Amino acid sequence: LTSRLKLGLVLNGIIILAEFIGGYLTNSLGLMSDAGHNLIDQGSLLLALYAHILSAQPATEHRTFGYHRAGTISAFLNSLLLIITGGIIGVIALNRMFSPVAIPGYWVMGIAGISLIANLAVALLLRKGAEEALNIRGAFLHMVMDAWMSLGVIICGLGIALTGLTILDPFISLILVILITKGSWPLFRQSLDILLESTPPHVNTTDIVTTIESIPGIKKVHDLHIWSVEPRIVMLTCHVLVDPHTVPDKDQLLQPIQSALSSKFGIHHLTLQLETECHETDDLH
């Protein structure tokens, strides 16, 4: 995966130079916007590469969880940059709609076509890694969005060449902004939820409480916290109030609770405090 990311950086660097120079020479906002977007992608690929290398580092006394969150931070920054980039392109496109300029459509098509092929190539390089790591998914999403942008620019160039309507350039750019924002938002929200230590979306807090309290001898669950270090590592801590009359040895409930949470919810990293007295039984969190 590391070598694929490095190859992606080289290919993307070539795209940036070709599109920026071509966009400048042809006055195409679509090409220059795509070049700017690719420049952001270059940063995202570098960030993904760094996060991938860093997340493989072992835990230390100072960082007991290791560097698993490095990938989440990378995904958050990538998605945030995509959204900001979309906003900037949108403002420029709206301004260009009221101040159109002459654009050679066929040149725009040719340059965008090269970009489309290169973007798809990089996306294919990252496809497998995107299924396993959030930060690689962020870089993969960047490249897919770039491919869409390049396709949009090709359509725009063809339309201008056939009709002479230069307003198609900013119009297509606005459509691409909507696609970029729509594609980036889920990744932004997911990575932000992890950084805020929110309960993972596939985990229902009420179901967990019900499952634990359904075990004979357990009266109440409280001080419950569920969060993700990264998407594949879900953590849980809670206090469990045990009825000493039903279960004289409260520690014997540890194994049933662990088995229930592991089999039903896939939570394997948990810390439980079993107690027979508690003054906070009304508190869930």
C-alpha atoms as a PDB file:
ATOM      1  CA  LEU A   1       0.000   0.000   0.000  1.00  0.00           C
ATOM      2  CA  THR A   2       2.892   2.368   0.762  1.00  0.00           C
ATOM      3  CA  SER A   3       4.322   1.918  -2.732  1.00  0.00           C
ATOM      4  CA  ARG A   4       0.860   2.518  -4.232  1.00  0.00           C
ATOM      5  CA  LEU A   5       0.517   5.768  -2.330  1.00  0.00           C
ATOM      6  CA  LYS A   6       3.956   6.898  -3.557  1.00  0.00           C
ATOM      7  CA  LEU A   7       3.057   6.071  -7.152  1.00  0.00           C
ATOM      8  CA  GLY A   8      -0.211   7.949  -6.699  1.00  0.00           C
ATOM      9  CA  LEU A   9       1.753  11.022  -5.570  1.00  0.00           C
ATOM     10  CA  VAL A  10       3.866  10.961  -8.736  1.00  0.00           C
ATOM     11  CA  LEU A  11       0.876  10.553 -11.065  1.00  0.00           C
ATOM     12  CA  ASN A  12      -1.099  13.256  -9.278  1.00  0.00           C
ATOM     13  CA  GLY A  13       1.848  15.661  -9.485  1.00  0.00           C
ATOM     14  CA  ILE A  14       1.899  15.247 -13.270  1.00  0.00           C
ATOM     15  CA  ILE A  15      -1.864  15.918 -13.395  1.00  0.00           C
ATOM     16  CA  ILE A  16      -1.479  19.167 -11.431  1.00  0.00           C
ATOM     17  CA  LEU A  17       1.178  20.592 -13.763  1.00  0.00           C
ATOM     18  CA  ALA A  18      -0.674  19.578 -16.936  1.00  0.00           C
ATOM     19  CA  GLU A  19      -4.050  20.948 -15.848  1.00  0.00           C
ATOM     20  CA  PHE A  20      -2.792  24.199 -14.362  1.00  0.00           C
ATOM     21  CA  ILE A  21      -0.684  25.072 -17.386  1.00  0.00           C
ATOM     22  CA  GLY A  22      -3.458  23.975 -19.758  1.00  0.00           C
ATOM     23  CA  GLY A  23      -6.113  25.882 -17.816  1.00  0.00           C
ATOM     24  CA  TYR A  24      -4.002  29.046 -17.764  1.00  0.00           C
ATOM     25  CA  LEU A  25      -3.332  28.893 -21.496  1.00  0.00           C
ATOM     26  CA  THR A  26      -6.986  28.182 -22.396  1.00  0.00           C
ATOM     27  CA  ASN A  27      -8.665  30.416 -19.755  1.00  0.00           C
ATOM     28  CA  SER A  28     -10.620  27.387 -18.509  1.00  0.00           C
ATOM     29  CA  LEU A  29     -11.907  27.754 -14.953  1.00  0.00           C
ATOM     30  CA  GLY A  30     -12.853  24.077 -14.986  1.00  0.00           C
ATOM     31  CA  LEU A  31      -9.277  22.979 -15.678  1.00  0.00           C
ATOM     32  CA  MET A  32      -7.722  25.396 -13.190  1.00  0.00           C
ATOM     33  CA  SER A  33     -10.295  24.428 -10.563  1.00  0.00           C
ATOM     34  CA  ASP A  34      -9.497  20.777 -11.167  1.00  0.00           C
ATOM     35  CA  ALA A  35      -5.779  21.569 -10.886  1.00  0.00           C
ATOM     36  CA  GLY A  36      -6.379  23.334  -7.570  1.00  0.00           C
ATOM     37  CA  HIS A  37      -8.439  20.414  -6.386  1.00  0.00           C
ATOM     38  CA  ASN A  38      -5.636  18.065  -7.424  1.00  0.00           C
ATOM     39  CA  LEU A  39      -3.173  20.174  -5.462  1.00  0.00           C
ATOM     40  CA  ILE A  40      -5.335  19.585  -2.392  1.00  0.00           C
ATOM     41  CA  ASP A  41      -5.295  15.903  -3.318  1.00  0.00           C
ATOM     42  CA  GLN A  42      -1.523  15.916  -3.359  1.00  0.00           C
ATOM     43  CA  GLY A  43      -1.597  17.084   0.222  1.00  0.00           C
ATOM     44  CA  SER A  44      -4.223  14.467   1.068  1.00  0.00           C
ATOM     45  CA  LEU A  45      -2.105  11.694  -0.465  1.00  0.00           C
ATOM     46  CA  LEU A  46       0.927  12.859   1.496  1.00  0.00           C
ATOM     47  CA  LEU A  47      -1.194  12.979   4.641  1.00  0.00           C
ATOM     48  CA  ALA A  48      -2.590   9.510   3.970  1.00  0.00           C
ATOM     49  CA  LEU A  49       0.916   8.122   3.390  1.00  0.00           C
ATOM     50  CA  TYR A  50       2.207   9.688   6.602  1.00  0.00           C
ATOM     51  CA  ALA A  51      -0.822   8.486   8.586  1.00  0.00           C
ATOM     52  CA  HIS A  52      -0.481   4.975   7.140  1.00  0.00           C
ATOM     53  CA  ILE A  53       3.152   4.770   8.212  1.00  0.00           C
ATOM     54  CA  LEU A  54       2.450   6.361  11.597  1.00  0.00           C
ATOM     55  CA  SER A  55      -0.554   4.166  12.460  1.00  0.00           C
ATOM     56  CA  ALA A  56       1.644   1.076  12.159  1.00  0.00           C
ATOM     57  CA  GLN A  57       3.835   2.296  15.026  1.00  0.00           C
ATOM     58  CA  PRO A  58       3.413   0.387  18.314  1.00  0.00           C
ATOM     59  CA  ALA A  59       1.884   1.845  21.465  1.00  0.00           C
ATOM     60  CA  THR A  60       4.168   3.643  23.910  1.00  0.00           C
ATOM     61  CA  GLU A  61       3.975   4.728  27.535  1.00  0.00           C
ATOM     62  CA  HIS A  62       3.031   8.195  26.333  1.00  0.00           C
ATOM     63  CA  ARG A  63       0.553   6.997  23.665  1.00  0.00           C
ATOM     64  CA  THR A  64      -1.059   3.875  25.081  1.00  0.00           C
ATOM     65  CA  PHE A  65      -3.471   3.580  22.141  1.00  0.00           C
ATOM     66  CA  GLY A  66      -0.615   3.874  19.664  1.00  0.00           C
ATOM     67  CA  TYR A  67      -1.209   6.051  16.605  1.00  0.00           C
ATOM     68  CA  HIS A  68      -4.508   4.599  15.375  1.00  0.00           C
ATOM     69  CA  ARG A  69      -6.146   8.041  15.409  1.00  0.00           C
ATOM     70  CA  ALA A  70      -3.591   9.362  12.912  1.00  0.00           C
ATOM     71  CA  GLY A  71      -5.661   7.870  10.094  1.00  0.00           C
ATOM     72  CA  THR A  72      -8.860   9.420  11.447  1.00  0.00           C
ATOM     73  CA  ILE A  73      -7.238  12.861  11.672  1.00  0.00           C
ATOM     74  CA  SER A  74      -6.028  12.438   8.095  1.00  0.00           C
ATOM     75  CA  ALA A  75      -9.555  11.529   6.935  1.00  0.00           C
ATOM     76  CA  PHE A  76     -11.039  14.502   8.806  1.00  0.00           C
ATOM     77  CA  LEU A  77      -8.580  16.978   7.292  1.00  0.00           C
ATOM     78  CA  ASN A  78      -9.005  15.501   3.814  1.00  0.00           C
ATOM     79  CA  SER A  79     -12.790  15.754   3.901  1.00  0.00           C
ATOM     80  CA  LEU A  80     -12.668  19.255   5.413  1.00  0.00           C
ATOM     81  CA  LEU A  81     -10.286  20.432   2.690  1.00  0.00           C
ATOM     82  CA  LEU A  82     -12.589  18.963   0.051  1.00  0.00           C
ATOM     83  CA  ILE A  83     -15.575  20.868   1.429  1.00  0.00           C
ATOM     84  CA  ILE A  84     -13.598  24.131   1.654  1.00  0.00           C
ATOM     85  CA  THR A  85     -12.239  23.632  -1.864  1.00  0.00           C
ATOM     86  CA  GLY A  86     -15.765  23.066  -3.149  1.00  0.00           C
ATOM     87  CA  GLY A  87     -16.892  26.317  -1.546  1.00  0.00           C
ATOM     88  CA  ILE A  88     -14.050  28.300  -3.129  1.00  0.00           C
ATOM     89  CA  ILE A  89     -14.702  26.810  -6.570  1.00  0.00           C
ATOM     90  CA  GLY A  90     -18.404  27.605  -6.155  1.00  0.00           C
ATOM     91  CA  VAL A  91     -17.714  31.293  -5.452  1.00  0.00           C
ATOM     92  CA  ILE A  92     -15.362  31.571  -8.442  1.00  0.00           C
ATOM     93  CA  ALA A  93     -17.857  29.786 -10.689  1.00  0.00           C
ATOM     94  CA  LEU A  94     -20.697  32.138  -9.714  1.00  0.00           C
ATOM     95  CA  ASN A  95     -18.501  35.116 -10.497  1.00  0.00           C
ATOM     96  CA  ARG A  96     -17.461  33.608 -13.832  1.00  0.00           C
ATOM     97  CA  MET A  97     -21.121  33.113 -14.829  1.00  0.00           C
ATOM     98  CA  PHE A  98     -21.528  36.901 -14.912  1.00  0.00           C
ATOM     99  CA  SER A  99     -18.136  37.493 -16.550  1.00  0.00           C
ATOM    100  CA  PRO A 100     -17.653  34.746 -19.188  1.00  0.00           C
ATOM    101  CA  VAL A 101     -14.393  34.410 -21.145  1.00  0.00           C
ATOM    102  CA  ALA A 102     -13.504  32.657 -24.413  1.00  0.00           C
ATOM    103  CA  ILE A 103     -12.464  29.011 -23.956  1.00  0.00           C
ATOM    104  CA  PRO A 104     -11.118  26.571 -26.636  1.00  0.00           C
ATOM    105  CA  GLY A 105     -13.335  23.553 -26.024  1.00  0.00           C
ATOM    106  CA  TYR A 106     -11.307  20.857 -27.768  1.00  0.00           C
ATOM    107  CA  TRP A 107      -8.096  21.745 -25.916  1.00  0.00           C
ATOM    108  CA  VAL A 108      -9.989  21.607 -22.649  1.00  0.00           C
ATOM    109  CA  MET A 109     -11.356  18.174 -23.565  1.00  0.00           C
ATOM    110  CA  GLY A 110      -7.916  16.787 -24.395  1.00  0.00           C
ATOM    111  CA  ILE A 111      -6.238  17.972 -21.200  1.00  0.00           C
ATOM    112  CA  ALA A 112      -9.173  16.873 -19.024  1.00  0.00           C
ATOM    113  CA  GLY A 113      -9.152  13.471 -20.733  1.00  0.00           C
ATOM    114  CA  ILE A 114      -5.547  12.878 -19.679  1.00  0.00           C
ATOM    115  CA  SER A 115      -6.457  13.941 -16.154  1.00  0.00           C
ATOM    116  CA  LEU A 116      -9.432  11.564 -16.082  1.00  0.00           C
ATOM    117  CA  ILE A 117      -7.274   8.567 -17.002  1.00  0.00           C
ATOM    118  CA  ALA A 118      -4.623   9.467 -14.408  1.00  0.00           C
ATOM    119  CA  ASN A 119      -7.195  10.046 -11.656  1.00  0.00           C
ATOM    120  CA  LEU A 120      -8.855   6.709 -12.303  1.00  0.00           C
ATOM    121  CA  ALA A 121      -5.457   5.007 -12.244  1.00  0.00           C
ATOM    122  CA  VAL A 122      -4.612   6.454  -8.817  1.00  0.00           C
ATOM    123  CA  ALA A 123      -8.098   5.622  -7.511  1.00  0.00           C
ATOM    124  CA  LEU A 124      -7.669   1.997  -8.595  1.00  0.00           C
ATOM    125  CA  LEU A 125      -4.320   1.866  -6.793  1.00  0.00           C
ATOM    126  CA  LEU A 126      -6.010   2.960  -3.551  1.00  0.00           C
ATOM    127  CA  ARG A 127      -9.252   1.003  -3.893  1.00  0.00           C
ATOM    128  CA  LYS A 128      -8.246  -2.023  -1.816  1.00  0.00           C
ATOM    129  CA  GLY A 129      -6.745   0.061   0.991  1.00  0.00           C
ATOM    130  CA  ALA A 130      -9.879   2.238   1.104  1.00  0.00           C
ATOM    131  CA  GLU A 131     -11.892  -0.768   2.316  1.00  0.00           C
ATOM    132  CA  GLU A 132      -9.620  -1.215   5.333  1.00  0.00           C
ATOM    133  CA  ALA A 133      -8.554   2.244   6.557  1.00  0.00           C
ATOM    134  CA  LEU A 134     -10.441   5.511   6.977  1.00  0.00           C
ATOM    135  CA  ASN A 135      -7.502   7.715   5.960  1.00  0.00           C
ATOM    136  CA  ILE A 136      -6.939   5.742   2.731  1.00  0.00           C
ATOM    137  CA  ARG A 137     -10.672   6.045   2.056  1.00  0.00           C
ATOM    138  CA  GLY A 138     -10.242   9.816   2.307  1.00  0.00           C
ATOM    139  CA  ALA A 139      -7.470   9.835  -0.291  1.00  0.00           C
ATOM    140  CA  PHE A 140      -9.457   7.409  -2.485  1.00  0.00           C
ATOM    141  CA  LEU A 141     -12.500   9.682  -2.275  1.00  0.00           C
ATOM    142  CA  HIS A 142     -10.347  12.622  -3.354  1.00  0.00           C
ATOM    143  CA  MET A 143      -9.242  10.785  -6.476  1.00  0.00           C
ATOM    144  CA  VAL A 144     -12.771   9.616  -7.332  1.00  0.00           C
ATOM    145  CA  MET A 145     -14.035  13.182  -6.982  1.00  0.00           C
ATOM    146  CA  ASP A 146     -11.195  14.323  -9.233  1.00  0.00           C
ATOM    147  CA  ALA A 147     -12.239  11.784 -11.848  1.00  0.00           C
ATOM    148  CA  TRP A 148     -15.788  13.150 -11.726  1.00  0.00           C
ATOM    149  CA  MET A 149     -14.439  16.683 -12.083  1.00  0.00           C
ATOM    150  CA  SER A 150     -12.319  15.700 -15.077  1.00  0.00           C
ATOM    151  CA  LEU A 151     -15.322  14.017 -16.698  1.00  0.00           C
ATOM    152  CA  GLY A 152     -17.365  17.146 -16.078  1.00  0.00           C
ATOM    153  CA  VAL A 153     -14.668  19.299 -17.665  1.00  0.00           C
ATOM    154  CA  ILE A 154     -14.621  16.999 -20.725  1.00  0.00           C
ATOM    155  CA  ILE A 155     -18.391  17.386 -21.100  1.00  0.00           C
ATOM    156  CA  CYS A 156     -17.997  21.119 -20.621  1.00  0.00           C
ATOM    157  CA  GLY A 157     -15.281  21.336 -23.296  1.00  0.00           C
ATOM    158  CA  LEU A 158     -17.412  19.379 -25.749  1.00  0.00           C
ATOM    159  CA  GLY A 159     -20.407  21.599 -25.091  1.00  0.00           C
ATOM    160  CA  ILE A 160     -18.370  24.764 -25.604  1.00  0.00           C
ATOM    161  CA  ALA A 161     -16.799  23.395 -28.805  1.00  0.00           C
ATOM    162  CA  LEU A 162     -20.211  22.522 -30.273  1.00  0.00           C
ATOM    163  CA  THR A 163     -22.275  25.487 -29.073  1.00  0.00           C
ATOM    164  CA  GLY A 164     -19.833  28.243 -28.118  1.00  0.00           C
ATOM    165  CA  LEU A 165     -21.623  28.710 -24.790  1.00  0.00           C
ATOM    166  CA  THR A 166     -18.744  29.566 -22.424  1.00  0.00           C
ATOM    167  CA  ILE A 167     -21.196  29.758 -19.513  1.00  0.00           C
ATOM    168  CA  LEU A 168     -21.085  25.961 -19.500  1.00  0.00           C
ATOM    169  CA  ASP A 169     -17.647  26.148 -17.854  1.00  0.00           C
ATOM    170  CA  PRO A 170     -18.815  27.720 -14.551  1.00  0.00           C
ATOM    171  CA  PHE A 171     -22.145  25.854 -14.737  1.00  0.00           C
ATOM    172  CA  ILE A 172     -20.408  22.473 -14.839  1.00  0.00           C
ATOM    173  CA  SER A 173     -18.107  23.663 -12.045  1.00  0.00           C
ATOM    174  CA  LEU A 174     -21.124  24.359  -9.808  1.00  0.00           C
ATOM    175  CA  ILE A 175     -22.498  20.875 -10.450  1.00  0.00           C
ATOM    176  CA  LEU A 176     -19.123  19.411  -9.534  1.00  0.00           C
ATOM    177  CA  VAL A 177     -19.094  21.439  -6.318  1.00  0.00           C
ATOM    178  CA  ILE A 178     -22.371  19.801  -5.310  1.00  0.00           C
ATOM    179  CA  LEU A 179     -20.933  16.344  -6.072  1.00  0.00           C
ATOM    180  CA  ILE A 180     -17.746  17.084  -4.110  1.00  0.00           C
ATOM    181  CA  THR A 181     -19.664  18.292  -1.058  1.00  0.00           C
ATOM    182  CA  LYS A 182     -22.138  15.410  -1.159  1.00  0.00           C
ATOM    183  CA  GLY A 183     -19.344  12.841  -1.429  1.00  0.00           C
ATOM    184  CA  SER A 184     -17.162  14.404   1.265  1.00  0.00           C
ATOM    185  CA  TRP A 185     -19.809  14.984   3.929  1.00  0.00           C
ATOM    186  CA  PRO A 186     -20.225  11.351   5.125  1.00  0.00           C
ATOM    187  CA  LEU A 187     -16.454  10.961   5.591  1.00  0.00           C
ATOM    188  CA  PHE A 188     -16.265  14.315   7.384  1.00  0.00           C
ATOM    189  CA  ARG A 189     -19.104  13.360   9.730  1.00  0.00           C
ATOM    190  CA  GLN A 190     -17.720   9.879  10.444  1.00  0.00           C
ATOM    191  CA  SER A 191     -14.206  11.094  11.214  1.00  0.00           C
ATOM    192  CA  LEU A 192     -15.540  13.984  13.331  1.00  0.00           C
ATOM    193  CA  ASP A 193     -17.705  11.566  15.340  1.00  0.00           C
ATOM    194  CA  ILE A 194     -14.639   9.432  16.088  1.00  0.00           C
ATOM    195  CA  LEU A 195     -12.593  12.471  17.161  1.00  0.00           C
ATOM    196  CA  LEU A 196     -15.469  13.599  19.411  1.00  0.00           C
ATOM    197  CA  GLU A 197     -15.602  10.045  20.828  1.00  0.00           C
ATOM    198  CA  SER A 198     -19.235   9.631  19.863  1.00  0.00           C
ATOM    199  CA  THR A 199     -20.943   6.258  20.089  1.00  0.00           C
ATOM    200  CA  PRO A 200     -20.275   4.387  16.805  1.00  0.00           C
ATOM    201  CA  PRO A 201     -23.306   4.550  14.473  1.00  0.00           C
ATOM    202  CA  HIS A 202     -23.676   0.753  14.311  1.00  0.00           C
ATOM    203  CA  VAL A 203     -23.874   0.475  18.104  1.00  0.00           C
ATOM    204  CA  ASN A 204     -27.133   1.115  19.958  1.00  0.00           C
ATOM    205  CA  THR A 205     -26.542   2.184  23.559  1.00  0.00           C
ATOM    206  CA  THR A 206     -30.003   1.124  24.715  1.00  0.00           C
ATOM    207  CA  ASP A 207     -29.551  -2.358  23.255  1.00  0.00           C
ATOM    208  CA  ILE A 208     -26.252  -2.766  25.081  1.00  0.00           C
ATOM    209  CA  VAL A 209     -27.782  -1.734  28.401  1.00  0.00           C
ATOM    210  CA  THR A 210     -30.720  -4.086  27.847  1.00  0.00           C
ATOM    211  CA  THR A 211     -28.400  -6.955  26.941  1.00  0.00           C
ATOM    212  CA  ILE A 212     -26.264  -6.548  30.060  1.00  0.00           C
ATOM    213  CA  GLU A 213     -29.219  -6.050  32.403  1.00  0.00           C
ATOM    214  CA  SER A 214     -30.918  -9.164  31.014  1.00  0.00           C
ATOM    215  CA  ILE A 215     -28.183 -11.332  32.550  1.00  0.00           C
ATOM    216  CA  PRO A 216     -29.485 -12.850  35.831  1.00  0.00           C
ATOM    217  CA  GLY A 217     -28.097 -11.127  38.901  1.00  0.00           C
ATOM    218  CA  ILE A 218     -27.501  -7.721  37.293  1.00  0.00           C
ATOM    219  CA  LYS A 219     -29.651  -4.872  38.606  1.00  0.00           C
ATOM    220  CA  LYS A 220     -28.346  -1.805  36.764  1.00  0.00           C
ATOM    221  CA  VAL A 221     -25.799  -0.502  34.269  1.00  0.00           C
ATOM    222  CA  HIS A 222     -24.493   3.031  34.638  1.00  0.00           C
ATOM    223  CA  ASP A 223     -21.528   5.287  33.830  1.00  0.00           C
ATOM    224  CA  LEU A 224     -21.542   3.756  30.355  1.00  0.00           C
ATOM    225  CA  HIS A 225     -19.163   5.039  27.669  1.00  0.00           C
ATOM    226  CA  ILE A 226     -18.777   3.669  24.134  1.00  0.00           C
ATOM    227  CA  TRP A 227     -16.378   5.132  21.578  1.00  0.00           C
ATOM    228  CA  SER A 228     -14.026   4.258  18.739  1.00  0.00           C
ATOM    229  CA  VAL A 229     -10.282   4.673  18.682  1.00  0.00           C
ATOM    230  CA  GLU A 230     -10.675   4.128  14.933  1.00  0.00           C
ATOM    231  CA  PRO A 231     -13.510   2.424  13.006  1.00  0.00           C
ATOM    232  CA  ARG A 232     -12.232  -1.105  13.664  1.00  0.00           C
ATOM    233  CA  ILE A 233     -11.525  -0.620  17.380  1.00  0.00           C
ATOM    234  CA  VAL A 234     -14.611  -0.009  19.541  1.00  0.00           C
ATOM    235  CA  MET A 235     -14.086   0.545  23.272  1.00  0.00           C
ATOM    236  CA  LEU A 236     -16.573   0.246  26.143  1.00  0.00           C
ATOM    237  CA  THR A 237     -16.423   1.017  29.855  1.00  0.00           C
ATOM    238  CA  CYS A 238     -19.252   0.831  32.395  1.00  0.00           C
ATOM    239  CA  HIS A 239     -20.221   0.124  35.985  1.00  0.00           C
ATOM    240  CA  VAL A 240     -22.477  -2.867  36.648  1.00  0.00           C
ATOM    241  CA  LEU A 241     -24.545  -3.092  39.811  1.00  0.00           C
ATOM    242  CA  VAL A 242     -24.861  -6.720  40.953  1.00  0.00           C
ATOM    243  CA  ASP A 243     -27.434  -8.162  43.351  1.00  0.00           C
ATOM    244  CA  PRO A 244     -25.290  -9.866  46.043  1.00  0.00           C
ATOM    245  CA  HIS A 245     -28.196 -12.037  47.175  1.00  0.00           C
ATOM    246  CA  THR A 246     -28.589 -13.548  43.692  1.00  0.00           C
ATOM    247  CA  VAL A 247     -24.869 -13.682  42.811  1.00  0.00           C
ATOM    248  CA  PRO A 248     -22.611 -13.956  45.895  1.00  0.00           C
ATOM    249  CA  ASP A 249     -19.464 -13.833  43.768  1.00  0.00           C
ATOM    250  CA  LYS A 250     -19.938 -10.859  41.426  1.00  0.00           C
ATOM    251  CA  ASP A 251     -16.760 -11.635  39.445  1.00  0.00           C
ATOM    252  CA  GLN A 252     -18.407 -14.692  37.917  1.00  0.00           C
ATOM    253  CA  LEU A 253     -20.513 -12.321  35.803  1.00  0.00           C
ATOM    254  CA  LEU A 254     -17.510 -10.967  33.923  1.00  0.00           C
ATOM    255  CA  GLN A 255     -17.369 -13.800  31.414  1.00  0.00           C
ATOM    256  CA  PRO A 256     -21.130 -13.772  30.532  1.00  0.00           C
ATOM    257  CA  ILE A 257     -21.054  -9.993  29.980  1.00  0.00           C
ATOM    258  CA  GLN A 258     -17.934 -10.181  27.821  1.00  0.00           C
ATOM    259  CA  SER A 259     -19.368 -13.016  25.743  1.00  0.00           C
ATOM    260  CA  ALA A 260     -22.681 -11.208  25.195  1.00  0.00           C
ATOM    261  CA  LEU A 261     -21.046  -7.952  24.089  1.00  0.00           C
ATOM    262  CA  SER A 262     -18.529  -9.739  21.890  1.00  0.00           C
ATOM    263  CA  SER A 263     -20.979 -12.011  20.081  1.00  0.00           C
ATOM    264  CA  LYS A 264     -23.867  -9.576  19.682  1.00  0.00           C
ATOM    265  CA  PHE A 265     -22.088  -6.245  19.141  1.00  0.00           C
ATOM    266  CA  GLY A 266     -18.534  -7.185  18.168  1.00  0.00           C
ATOM    267  CA  ILE A 267     -17.073  -5.247  21.095  1.00  0.00           C
ATOM    268  CA  HIS A 268     -13.935  -6.966  22.348  1.00  0.00           C
ATOM    269  CA  HIS A 269     -12.163  -4.103  24.146  1.00  0.00           C
ATOM    270  CA  LEU A 270     -14.086  -3.382  27.336  1.00  0.00           C
ATOM    271  CA  THR A 271     -13.511  -2.511  30.965  1.00  0.00           C
ATOM    272  CA  LEU A 272     -16.177  -3.409  33.519  1.00  0.00           C
ATOM    273  CA  GLN A 273     -16.468  -2.400  37.147  1.00  0.00           C
ATOM    274  CA  LEU A 274     -18.716  -4.806  39.051  1.00  0.00           C
ATOM    275  CA  GLU A 275     -20.142  -3.466  42.326  1.00  0.00           C
ATOM    276  CA  THR A 276     -22.745  -4.390  44.903  1.00  0.00           C
ATOM    277  CA  GLU A 277     -23.382  -0.836  46.135  1.00  0.00           C
ATOM    278  CA  CYS A 278     -23.809   2.346  44.152  1.00  0.00           C
ATOM    279  CA  HIS A 279     -25.151   5.830  44.861  1.00  0.00           C
ATOM    280  CA  GLU A 280     -25.417   6.739  41.155  1.00  0.00           C
ATOM    281  CA  THR A 281     -27.864   4.102  39.931  1.00  0.00           C
ATOM    282  CA  ASP A 282     -30.011   6.718  38.171  1.00  0.00           C
ATOM    283  CA  ASP A 283     -27.120   7.817  35.986  1.00  0.00           C
ATOM    284  CA  LEU A 284     -26.724   6.122  32.613  1.00  0.00           C
ATOM    285  CA  HIS A 285     -23.647   8.053  31.500  1.00  0.00           C
END
